[in-house]
């Protein structure tokens, strides 16, 4: 492994040219040089330690794609080009992580009730306050087991509104469960 200061002496344009000429050594130097950039970006964006290996792999894959797609005639340095792509990729990955943490799987509803047929009784007996729309969505989605697309079509509403309603229902049910567990 080459020391970081030694890596800085290599010119990106020369390395890119050599990589396009199938030089394995130039590719290794470029990878080592930009591995530091990827680590710095992870540190700057406060990536969790548990996720850093995954983000490093994504960054290295992105580096290979950036090498292939970089156009020198665009009057931008390779560093700037890669840095922009890396920032966008990490933001996208962080958004996906947050989204995955927020999703409450349908199977969690099973924890609230013994069988699927008793969903309605559970909702009536609990203190969960659903709006009229949420009540209709709950009935159609969880009791009639319709797909969100079908519900949107039947109610003549945008599908986004249906998904938001389903998310609110799941969140309210989760909050109710947590309250019951804390009693």
N, C-alpha and C. Protein backbone atom coordinates (compact mmCIF):
# COMPACT_ATOMS: atom_id res chain seq x y z
N UNK A 1 0.84 -1.18 0.00
CA UNK A 1 0.00 0.00 0.00
C UNK A 1 0.88 1.25 0.00
N UNK A 2 0.55 2.16 -0.82
CA UNK A 2 1.32 3.39 -0.97
C UNK A 2 0.85 4.40 0.08
N UNK A 3 1.79 5.18 0.62
CA UNK A 3 1.42 6.20 1.59
C UNK A 3 0.60 7.29 0.91
N UNK A 4 -0.29 7.92 1.70
CA UNK A 4 -1.21 8.91 1.15
C UNK A 4 -0.48 10.07 0.47
N UNK A 5 0.61 10.59 1.09
CA UNK A 5 1.34 11.71 0.49
C UNK A 5 1.92 11.32 -0.87
N UNK A 6 2.37 10.09 -0.98
CA UNK A 6 2.90 9.62 -2.27
C UNK A 6 1.79 9.53 -3.31
N UNK A 7 0.59 9.18 -2.86
CA UNK A 7 -0.54 9.08 -3.79
C UNK A 7 -0.89 10.44 -4.40
N UNK A 8 -0.70 11.50 -3.62
CA UNK A 8 -1.04 12.84 -4.10
C UNK A 8 -0.13 13.30 -5.24
N UNK A 9 1.02 12.68 -5.39
CA UNK A 9 1.94 13.09 -6.45
C UNK A 9 1.47 12.63 -7.83
N UNK A 10 0.59 11.65 -7.86
CA UNK A 10 0.08 11.16 -9.14
C UNK A 10 -1.01 12.08 -9.67
N UNK A 11 -0.94 12.35 -10.95
CA UNK A 11 -1.92 13.20 -11.62
C UNK A 11 -3.13 12.33 -12.03
N UNK A 12 -4.33 12.80 -11.67
CA UNK A 12 -5.54 12.03 -11.98
C UNK A 12 -5.72 11.81 -13.48
N UNK A 13 -5.44 12.83 -14.26
CA UNK A 13 -5.63 12.69 -15.72
C UNK A 13 -4.70 11.64 -16.31
N UNK A 14 -3.46 11.62 -15.84
CA UNK A 14 -2.52 10.61 -16.32
C UNK A 14 -2.97 9.21 -15.89
N UNK A 15 -3.40 9.10 -14.64
CA UNK A 15 -3.88 7.80 -14.14
C UNK A 15 -5.11 7.33 -14.93
N UNK A 16 -6.03 8.26 -15.19
CA UNK A 16 -7.23 7.90 -15.96
C UNK A 16 -6.86 7.43 -17.37
N UNK A 17 -5.90 8.13 -17.96
CA UNK A 17 -5.46 7.73 -19.30
C UNK A 17 -4.87 6.32 -19.27
N UNK A 18 -4.04 6.06 -18.26
CA UNK A 18 -3.42 4.74 -18.15
C UNK A 18 -4.46 3.65 -17.84
N UNK A 19 -5.45 3.98 -17.04
CA UNK A 19 -6.52 3.02 -16.74
C UNK A 19 -7.28 2.68 -18.03
N UNK A 20 -7.54 3.68 -18.84
CA UNK A 20 -8.25 3.43 -20.11
C UNK A 20 -7.39 2.63 -21.08
N UNK A 21 -6.08 2.63 -20.84
CA UNK A 21 -5.16 1.82 -21.63
C UNK A 21 -4.92 0.46 -20.97
N UNK A 22 -5.78 0.11 -20.00
CA UNK A 22 -5.77 -1.19 -19.30
C UNK A 22 -4.57 -1.39 -18.38
N UNK A 23 -4.13 -0.35 -17.71
CA UNK A 23 -3.04 -0.47 -16.74
C UNK A 23 -3.62 -0.81 -15.37
N UNK A 24 -3.32 -2.02 -14.89
CA UNK A 24 -3.80 -2.46 -13.58
C UNK A 24 -3.16 -1.65 -12.45
N UNK A 25 -1.89 -1.33 -12.62
CA UNK A 25 -1.18 -0.57 -11.59
C UNK A 25 -1.78 0.82 -11.42
N UNK A 26 -2.11 1.47 -12.53
CA UNK A 26 -2.73 2.80 -12.46
C UNK A 26 -4.10 2.72 -11.78
N UNK A 27 -4.85 1.66 -12.06
CA UNK A 27 -6.16 1.48 -11.43
C UNK A 27 -6.00 1.30 -9.92
N UNK A 28 -5.03 0.50 -9.51
CA UNK A 28 -4.79 0.29 -8.08
C UNK A 28 -4.41 1.60 -7.39
N UNK A 29 -3.57 2.40 -8.04
CA UNK A 29 -3.17 3.69 -7.46
C UNK A 29 -4.38 4.60 -7.33
N UNK A 30 -5.20 4.65 -8.36
CA UNK A 30 -6.40 5.49 -8.34
C UNK A 30 -7.37 5.05 -7.24
N UNK A 31 -7.53 3.75 -7.10
CA UNK A 31 -8.42 3.22 -6.05
C UNK A 31 -7.89 3.59 -4.67
N UNK A 32 -6.59 3.41 -4.45
CA UNK A 32 -6.01 3.76 -3.14
C UNK A 32 -6.13 5.25 -2.87
N UNK A 33 -5.90 6.04 -3.91
CA UNK A 33 -5.97 7.49 -3.75
C UNK A 33 -7.38 7.93 -3.35
N UNK A 34 -8.38 7.38 -4.00
CA UNK A 34 -9.76 7.80 -3.74
C UNK A 34 -10.42 7.06 -2.58
N UNK A 35 -9.79 6.01 -2.10
CA UNK A 35 -10.29 5.34 -0.89
C UNK A 35 -10.27 6.34 0.27
N UNK A 36 -9.24 7.18 0.33
CA UNK A 36 -9.17 8.21 1.37
C UNK A 36 -10.30 9.21 1.23
N UNK A 37 -10.61 9.56 0.00
CA UNK A 37 -11.71 10.49 -0.26
C UNK A 37 -13.03 9.90 0.24
N UNK A 38 -13.24 8.62 -0.02
CA UNK A 38 -14.47 7.94 0.41
C UNK A 38 -14.55 7.92 1.94
N UNK A 39 -13.43 7.59 2.61
CA UNK A 39 -13.43 7.56 4.07
C UNK A 39 -13.70 8.95 4.65
N UNK A 40 -13.10 9.97 4.04
CA UNK A 40 -13.33 11.33 4.52
C UNK A 40 -14.79 11.73 4.36
N UNK A 41 -15.40 11.35 3.26
CA UNK A 41 -16.80 11.68 3.03
C UNK A 41 -17.69 10.96 4.06
N UNK A 42 -17.37 9.71 4.38
CA UNK A 42 -18.13 8.97 5.39
C UNK A 42 -18.01 9.67 6.75
N UNK A 43 -16.80 10.12 7.07
CA UNK A 43 -16.59 10.82 8.34
C UNK A 43 -17.37 12.14 8.36
N UNK A 44 -17.31 12.89 7.26
CA UNK A 44 -18.00 14.17 7.18
C UNK A 44 -19.52 14.02 7.28
N UNK A 45 -20.04 12.91 6.76
CA UNK A 45 -21.49 12.70 6.76
C UNK A 45 -21.95 11.89 7.97
N UNK A 46 -21.04 11.65 8.91
CA UNK A 46 -21.37 10.93 10.15
C UNK A 46 -22.04 9.58 9.89
N UNK A 47 -21.46 8.80 9.00
CA UNK A 47 -21.98 7.46 8.71
C UNK A 47 -21.70 6.58 9.92
N UNK A 48 -22.71 5.79 10.34
CA UNK A 48 -22.54 4.89 11.48
C UNK A 48 -21.41 3.91 11.21
N UNK A 49 -20.71 3.53 12.28
CA UNK A 49 -19.61 2.58 12.13
C UNK A 49 -20.07 1.26 11.53
N UNK A 50 -21.27 0.82 11.91
CA UNK A 50 -21.78 -0.47 11.42
C UNK A 50 -22.02 -0.44 9.91
N UNK A 51 -22.26 0.73 9.35
CA UNK A 51 -22.57 0.84 7.92
C UNK A 51 -21.37 1.21 7.06
N UNK A 52 -20.26 1.50 7.67
CA UNK A 52 -19.12 2.03 6.92
C UNK A 52 -18.58 1.07 5.87
N UNK A 53 -18.54 -0.22 6.16
CA UNK A 53 -18.05 -1.17 5.16
C UNK A 53 -18.95 -1.18 3.93
N UNK A 54 -20.25 -1.12 4.14
CA UNK A 54 -21.19 -1.09 3.01
C UNK A 54 -21.02 0.19 2.21
N UNK A 55 -20.87 1.32 2.91
CA UNK A 55 -20.69 2.59 2.21
C UNK A 55 -19.36 2.61 1.46
N UNK A 56 -18.32 2.01 2.03
CA UNK A 56 -17.02 1.94 1.35
C UNK A 56 -17.17 1.14 0.05
N UNK A 57 -17.85 0.01 0.13
CA UNK A 57 -18.05 -0.82 -1.08
C UNK A 57 -18.84 -0.05 -2.14
N UNK A 58 -19.90 0.65 -1.70
CA UNK A 58 -20.68 1.45 -2.64
C UNK A 58 -19.81 2.55 -3.26
N UNK A 59 -18.96 3.14 -2.44
CA UNK A 59 -18.07 4.20 -2.95
C UNK A 59 -17.07 3.66 -3.96
N UNK A 60 -16.53 2.46 -3.71
CA UNK A 60 -15.57 1.87 -4.66
C UNK A 60 -16.25 1.47 -5.96
N UNK A 61 -17.47 0.96 -5.86
CA UNK A 61 -18.23 0.64 -7.08
C UNK A 61 -18.49 1.91 -7.86
N UNK A 62 -18.86 2.97 -7.15
CA UNK A 62 -19.11 4.25 -7.80
C UNK A 62 -17.83 4.79 -8.44
N UNK A 63 -16.69 4.57 -7.81
CA UNK A 63 -15.42 5.01 -8.38
C UNK A 63 -15.19 4.36 -9.74
N UNK A 64 -15.45 3.07 -9.84
CA UNK A 64 -15.27 2.38 -11.12
C UNK A 64 -16.22 2.95 -12.18
N UNK A 65 -17.46 3.22 -11.77
CA UNK A 65 -18.41 3.81 -12.72
C UNK A 65 -17.98 5.21 -13.13
N UNK A 66 -17.44 5.98 -12.17
CA UNK A 66 -16.98 7.34 -12.46
C UNK A 66 -15.80 7.32 -13.42
N UNK A 67 -14.91 6.36 -13.24
CA UNK A 67 -13.76 6.23 -14.14
C UNK A 67 -14.25 5.98 -15.57
N UNK A 68 -15.23 5.10 -15.72
CA UNK A 68 -15.77 4.79 -17.04
C UNK A 68 -16.54 5.95 -17.67
N UNK A 69 -17.24 6.72 -16.83
CA UNK A 69 -18.13 7.74 -17.39
C UNK A 69 -17.52 9.14 -17.43
N UNK A 70 -16.32 9.33 -16.86
CA UNK A 70 -15.71 10.66 -16.82
C UNK A 70 -15.34 11.13 -18.22
N UNK A 71 -15.73 12.36 -18.53
CA UNK A 71 -15.40 12.98 -19.81
C UNK A 71 -14.52 14.18 -19.53
N UNK A 72 -13.28 14.08 -19.96
CA UNK A 72 -12.29 15.10 -19.65
C UNK A 72 -12.60 16.44 -20.30
N UNK A 73 -13.29 16.44 -21.43
CA UNK A 73 -13.56 17.66 -22.18
C UNK A 73 -14.60 18.56 -21.50
N UNK A 74 -15.21 18.11 -20.42
CA UNK A 74 -16.26 18.89 -19.75
C UNK A 74 -15.69 19.99 -18.85
N UNK A 75 -14.38 20.15 -18.82
CA UNK A 75 -13.71 21.18 -18.01
C UNK A 75 -14.03 21.07 -16.52
N UNK A 76 -13.99 19.86 -16.00
CA UNK A 76 -14.16 19.62 -14.58
C UNK A 76 -13.11 18.58 -14.18
N UNK A 77 -12.58 18.72 -12.98
CA UNK A 77 -11.58 17.76 -12.55
C UNK A 77 -12.25 16.45 -12.17
N UNK A 78 -11.49 15.37 -12.24
CA UNK A 78 -12.04 14.08 -11.86
C UNK A 78 -12.41 14.07 -10.39
N UNK A 79 -11.61 14.74 -9.56
CA UNK A 79 -11.90 14.80 -8.14
C UNK A 79 -13.27 15.45 -7.90
N UNK A 80 -13.52 16.58 -8.55
CA UNK A 80 -14.81 17.27 -8.38
C UNK A 80 -15.96 16.41 -8.87
N UNK A 81 -15.75 15.78 -9.99
CA UNK A 81 -16.79 14.90 -10.57
C UNK A 81 -17.10 13.75 -9.63
N UNK A 82 -16.08 13.07 -9.15
CA UNK A 82 -16.28 11.93 -8.26
C UNK A 82 -16.86 12.38 -6.93
N UNK A 83 -16.38 13.48 -6.41
CA UNK A 83 -16.86 13.99 -5.13
C UNK A 83 -18.37 14.28 -5.19
N UNK A 84 -18.83 14.88 -6.28
CA UNK A 84 -20.25 15.16 -6.46
C UNK A 84 -21.06 13.86 -6.53
N UNK A 85 -20.58 12.91 -7.33
CA UNK A 85 -21.28 11.62 -7.44
C UNK A 85 -21.33 10.90 -6.09
N UNK A 86 -20.22 10.94 -5.37
CA UNK A 86 -20.14 10.27 -4.07
C UNK A 86 -21.11 10.90 -3.06
N UNK A 87 -21.15 12.22 -3.03
CA UNK A 87 -22.06 12.91 -2.12
C UNK A 87 -23.50 12.52 -2.41
N UNK A 88 -23.87 12.55 -3.68
CA UNK A 88 -25.24 12.18 -4.06
C UNK A 88 -25.56 10.73 -3.71
N UNK A 89 -24.61 9.84 -3.94
CA UNK A 89 -24.82 8.42 -3.65
C UNK A 89 -25.01 8.20 -2.15
N UNK A 90 -24.17 8.84 -1.33
CA UNK A 90 -24.28 8.66 0.11
C UNK A 90 -25.58 9.25 0.65
N UNK A 91 -25.99 10.38 0.12
CA UNK A 91 -27.28 10.96 0.53
C UNK A 91 -28.40 10.01 0.19
N UNK A 92 -28.35 9.43 -1.00
CA UNK A 92 -29.37 8.46 -1.42
C UNK A 92 -29.38 7.25 -0.50
N UNK A 93 -28.21 6.73 -0.16
CA UNK A 93 -28.12 5.56 0.72
C UNK A 93 -28.65 5.88 2.12
N UNK A 94 -28.34 7.08 2.62
CA UNK A 94 -28.83 7.47 3.94
C UNK A 94 -30.36 7.60 3.94
N UNK A 95 -30.91 8.14 2.86
CA UNK A 95 -32.37 8.23 2.75
C UNK A 95 -33.00 6.84 2.74
N UNK A 96 -32.40 5.93 2.01
CA UNK A 96 -32.92 4.56 1.97
C UNK A 96 -32.86 3.92 3.34
N UNK A 97 -31.77 4.15 4.07
CA UNK A 97 -31.65 3.60 5.43
C UNK A 97 -32.75 4.13 6.33
N UNK A 98 -32.99 5.43 6.27
CA UNK A 98 -34.04 6.03 7.10
C UNK A 98 -35.40 5.47 6.73
N UNK A 99 -35.65 5.32 5.44
CA UNK A 99 -36.93 4.80 4.97
C UNK A 99 -37.13 3.37 5.46
N UNK A 100 -36.08 2.56 5.41
CA UNK A 100 -36.18 1.17 5.86
C UNK A 100 -36.43 1.09 7.36
N UNK A 101 -35.88 2.02 8.12
CA UNK A 101 -36.10 2.02 9.56
C UNK A 101 -37.53 2.42 9.90
N UNK A 102 -38.14 3.28 9.06
CA UNK A 102 -39.50 3.77 9.33
C UNK A 102 -40.57 2.77 8.95
N UNK A 103 -40.30 1.89 8.01
CA UNK A 103 -41.32 0.98 7.50
C UNK A 103 -41.70 -0.02 8.59
N UNK A 104 -43.00 -0.12 8.82
CA UNK A 104 -43.51 -1.10 9.77
C UNK A 104 -44.10 -2.23 8.94
N UNK A 105 -43.53 -3.43 9.04
CA UNK A 105 -44.04 -4.52 8.21
C UNK A 105 -45.45 -4.93 8.60
N UNK A 106 -46.19 -5.41 7.62
CA UNK A 106 -47.57 -5.85 7.83
C UNK A 106 -47.63 -6.93 8.90
N UNK A 107 -46.58 -7.72 9.02
CA UNK A 107 -46.57 -8.80 9.99
C UNK A 107 -46.70 -8.27 11.43
N UNK A 108 -46.31 -7.02 11.67
CA UNK A 108 -46.43 -6.47 13.02
C UNK A 108 -47.87 -6.39 13.47
N UNK A 109 -48.79 -6.26 12.52
CA UNK A 109 -50.21 -6.23 12.89
C UNK A 109 -50.61 -7.53 13.56
N UNK A 110 -49.95 -8.62 13.19
CA UNK A 110 -50.24 -9.92 13.79
C UNK A 110 -49.97 -9.89 15.29
N UNK A 111 -49.00 -9.07 15.72
CA UNK A 111 -48.68 -8.99 17.14
C UNK A 111 -49.80 -8.34 17.94
N UNK A 112 -50.61 -7.52 17.29
CA UNK A 112 -51.68 -6.81 17.98
C UNK A 112 -52.87 -7.72 18.25
N UNK A 113 -53.13 -8.62 17.35
CA UNK A 113 -54.33 -9.43 17.44
C UNK A 113 -53.98 -10.88 17.20
N UNK A 114 -54.85 -11.75 17.62
CA UNK A 114 -54.59 -13.18 17.50
C UNK A 114 -54.77 -13.65 16.06
N UNK A 115 -55.82 -13.21 15.41
CA UNK A 115 -56.02 -13.61 14.01
C UNK A 115 -56.48 -12.40 13.21
N UNK A 116 -56.33 -12.53 11.90
CA UNK A 116 -56.62 -11.42 11.00
C UNK A 116 -58.08 -10.99 11.09
N UNK A 117 -59.00 -11.90 11.35
CA UNK A 117 -60.42 -11.58 11.43
C UNK A 117 -60.77 -10.68 12.59
N UNK A 118 -59.93 -10.60 13.59
CA UNK A 118 -60.27 -9.78 14.76
C UNK A 118 -59.65 -8.39 14.72
N UNK A 119 -59.07 -7.97 13.58
CA UNK A 119 -58.53 -6.62 13.45
C UNK A 119 -59.57 -5.57 13.80
N UNK A 120 -60.76 -5.74 13.26
CA UNK A 120 -61.80 -4.74 13.44
C UNK A 120 -62.18 -4.61 14.91
N UNK A 121 -62.31 -5.73 15.61
CA UNK A 121 -62.65 -5.68 17.03
C UNK A 121 -61.54 -4.99 17.82
N UNK A 122 -60.30 -5.25 17.45
CA UNK A 122 -59.18 -4.63 18.15
C UNK A 122 -59.25 -3.12 18.02
N UNK A 123 -59.48 -2.65 16.81
CA UNK A 123 -59.52 -1.21 16.57
C UNK A 123 -60.69 -0.59 17.32
N UNK A 124 -61.85 -1.26 17.35
CA UNK A 124 -63.01 -0.71 18.05
C UNK A 124 -62.77 -0.66 19.55
N UNK A 125 -62.09 -1.66 20.11
CA UNK A 125 -61.87 -1.73 21.55
C UNK A 125 -60.72 -0.85 22.02
N UNK A 126 -59.80 -0.52 21.15
CA UNK A 126 -58.63 0.25 21.57
C UNK A 126 -58.94 1.74 21.61
N UNK A 127 -57.94 2.48 22.04
CA UNK A 127 -58.08 3.94 22.13
C UNK A 127 -57.51 4.62 20.90
N UNK A 128 -57.26 3.89 19.84
CA UNK A 128 -56.69 4.48 18.63
C UNK A 128 -57.75 5.36 17.97
N UNK A 129 -57.37 6.58 17.68
CA UNK A 129 -58.29 7.52 17.04
C UNK A 129 -57.92 7.63 15.56
N UNK A 130 -58.72 6.98 14.71
CA UNK A 130 -58.53 7.07 13.27
C UNK A 130 -59.46 8.12 12.71
N UNK A 131 -58.98 8.87 11.73
CA UNK A 131 -59.86 9.79 11.00
C UNK A 131 -60.81 8.95 10.14
N UNK A 132 -61.81 9.60 9.56
CA UNK A 132 -62.76 8.88 8.69
C UNK A 132 -62.03 8.20 7.54
N UNK A 133 -61.10 8.94 6.92
CA UNK A 133 -60.35 8.37 5.80
C UNK A 133 -59.51 7.18 6.26
N UNK A 134 -58.86 7.32 7.42
CA UNK A 134 -58.05 6.23 7.94
C UNK A 134 -58.91 5.00 8.24
N UNK A 135 -60.12 5.21 8.74
CA UNK A 135 -61.03 4.09 9.00
C UNK A 135 -61.37 3.36 7.70
N UNK A 136 -61.63 4.13 6.66
CA UNK A 136 -61.97 3.53 5.36
C UNK A 136 -60.76 2.78 4.80
N UNK A 137 -59.59 3.41 4.87
CA UNK A 137 -58.37 2.77 4.37
C UNK A 137 -58.08 1.51 5.17
N UNK A 138 -58.25 1.57 6.50
CA UNK A 138 -58.02 0.40 7.34
C UNK A 138 -58.94 -0.74 6.92
N UNK A 139 -60.20 -0.42 6.74
CA UNK A 139 -61.19 -1.43 6.33
C UNK A 139 -60.78 -2.08 5.00
N UNK A 140 -60.45 -1.23 4.03
CA UNK A 140 -60.15 -1.74 2.69
C UNK A 140 -58.80 -2.46 2.63
N UNK A 141 -57.79 -1.92 3.31
CA UNK A 141 -56.44 -2.48 3.20
C UNK A 141 -56.26 -3.73 4.06
N UNK A 142 -56.65 -3.64 5.32
CA UNK A 142 -56.33 -4.72 6.25
C UNK A 142 -57.44 -5.74 6.42
N UNK A 143 -58.67 -5.33 6.23
CA UNK A 143 -59.76 -6.29 6.38
C UNK A 143 -60.16 -6.90 5.04
N UNK A 144 -60.27 -6.04 4.02
CA UNK A 144 -60.63 -6.55 2.69
C UNK A 144 -59.39 -6.94 1.89
N UNK A 145 -58.21 -6.61 2.42
CA UNK A 145 -56.92 -6.95 1.83
C UNK A 145 -56.76 -6.46 0.39
N UNK A 146 -57.20 -5.23 0.14
CA UNK A 146 -57.03 -4.63 -1.18
C UNK A 146 -55.66 -3.97 -1.28
N UNK A 147 -55.17 -3.90 -2.47
CA UNK A 147 -53.89 -3.25 -2.73
C UNK A 147 -54.10 -1.73 -2.70
N UNK A 148 -53.05 -0.96 -2.33
CA UNK A 148 -53.18 0.50 -2.29
C UNK A 148 -53.66 1.09 -3.62
N UNK A 149 -53.22 0.51 -4.73
CA UNK A 149 -53.63 1.01 -6.04
C UNK A 149 -55.15 0.86 -6.22
N UNK A 150 -55.69 -0.27 -5.78
CA UNK A 150 -57.14 -0.50 -5.88
C UNK A 150 -57.89 0.49 -4.98
N UNK A 151 -57.39 0.71 -3.78
CA UNK A 151 -58.04 1.63 -2.85
C UNK A 151 -58.07 3.03 -3.45
N UNK A 152 -56.94 3.46 -4.02
CA UNK A 152 -56.86 4.79 -4.63
C UNK A 152 -57.86 4.91 -5.76
N UNK A 153 -57.97 3.87 -6.56
CA UNK A 153 -58.93 3.89 -7.67
C UNK A 153 -60.36 3.94 -7.14
N UNK A 154 -60.69 3.11 -6.14
CA UNK A 154 -62.04 3.06 -5.60
C UNK A 154 -62.44 4.38 -4.94
N UNK A 155 -61.51 5.00 -4.22
CA UNK A 155 -61.81 6.25 -3.52
C UNK A 155 -61.55 7.49 -4.37
N UNK A 156 -61.01 7.27 -5.56
CA UNK A 156 -60.66 8.37 -6.47
C UNK A 156 -59.74 9.39 -5.78
N UNK A 157 -58.69 8.85 -5.16
CA UNK A 157 -57.68 9.67 -4.49
C UNK A 157 -56.31 9.35 -5.06
N UNK A 158 -55.37 10.28 -4.90
CA UNK A 158 -54.00 9.97 -5.34
C UNK A 158 -53.42 8.83 -4.50
N UNK A 159 -52.63 7.99 -5.12
CA UNK A 159 -52.05 6.84 -4.42
C UNK A 159 -51.18 7.27 -3.25
N UNK A 160 -50.54 8.44 -3.37
CA UNK A 160 -49.70 8.95 -2.29
C UNK A 160 -50.52 9.14 -1.01
N UNK A 161 -51.75 9.63 -1.16
CA UNK A 161 -52.63 9.85 -0.02
C UNK A 161 -52.96 8.51 0.67
N UNK A 162 -53.12 7.46 -0.11
CA UNK A 162 -53.41 6.14 0.43
C UNK A 162 -52.20 5.61 1.20
N UNK A 163 -51.02 5.72 0.60
CA UNK A 163 -49.80 5.27 1.28
C UNK A 163 -49.59 6.06 2.59
N UNK A 164 -49.82 7.37 2.55
CA UNK A 164 -49.68 8.17 3.76
C UNK A 164 -50.66 7.71 4.83
N UNK A 165 -51.90 7.41 4.42
CA UNK A 165 -52.91 6.92 5.37
C UNK A 165 -52.49 5.59 5.98
N UNK A 166 -51.98 4.69 5.16
CA UNK A 166 -51.53 3.38 5.66
C UNK A 166 -50.38 3.57 6.66
N UNK A 167 -49.44 4.47 6.33
CA UNK A 167 -48.33 4.74 7.25
C UNK A 167 -48.83 5.30 8.57
N UNK A 168 -49.81 6.23 8.53
CA UNK A 168 -50.36 6.78 9.77
C UNK A 168 -51.04 5.70 10.60
N UNK A 169 -51.79 4.82 9.95
CA UNK A 169 -52.47 3.72 10.65
C UNK A 169 -51.45 2.83 11.35
N UNK A 170 -50.41 2.44 10.63
CA UNK A 170 -49.38 1.58 11.21
C UNK A 170 -48.68 2.27 12.37
N UNK A 171 -48.39 3.57 12.20
CA UNK A 171 -47.72 4.31 13.27
C UNK A 171 -48.60 4.40 14.51
N UNK A 172 -49.89 4.67 14.31
CA UNK A 172 -50.82 4.76 15.45
C UNK A 172 -50.94 3.42 16.15
N UNK A 173 -50.98 2.34 15.38
CA UNK A 173 -51.08 1.02 15.99
C UNK A 173 -49.80 0.68 16.74
N UNK A 174 -48.66 1.05 16.18
CA UNK A 174 -47.39 0.80 16.85
C UNK A 174 -47.31 1.60 18.15
N UNK A 175 -47.71 2.88 18.09
CA UNK A 175 -47.69 3.72 19.29
C UNK A 175 -48.60 3.15 20.37
N UNK A 176 -49.79 2.67 19.96
CA UNK A 176 -50.73 2.08 20.91
C UNK A 176 -50.13 0.84 21.57
N UNK A 177 -49.45 0.04 20.75
CA UNK A 177 -48.83 -1.18 21.29
C UNK A 177 -47.76 -0.82 22.31
N UNK A 178 -46.94 0.19 21.98
CA UNK A 178 -45.89 0.60 22.89
C UNK A 178 -46.44 1.15 24.19
N UNK A 179 -47.56 1.88 24.11
CA UNK A 179 -48.22 2.39 25.32
C UNK A 179 -48.70 1.21 26.18
N UNK A 180 -49.29 0.22 25.54
CA UNK A 180 -49.79 -0.94 26.28
C UNK A 180 -48.66 -1.73 26.93
N UNK A 181 -47.52 -1.79 26.29
CA UNK A 181 -46.39 -2.51 26.85
C UNK A 181 -45.77 -1.77 28.03
N UNK A 182 -45.86 -0.44 28.01
CA UNK A 182 -45.27 0.37 29.07
C UNK A 182 -46.15 0.49 30.30
N UNK A 183 -47.36 0.04 30.22
CA UNK A 183 -48.30 0.16 31.35
C UNK A 183 -47.89 -0.77 32.47
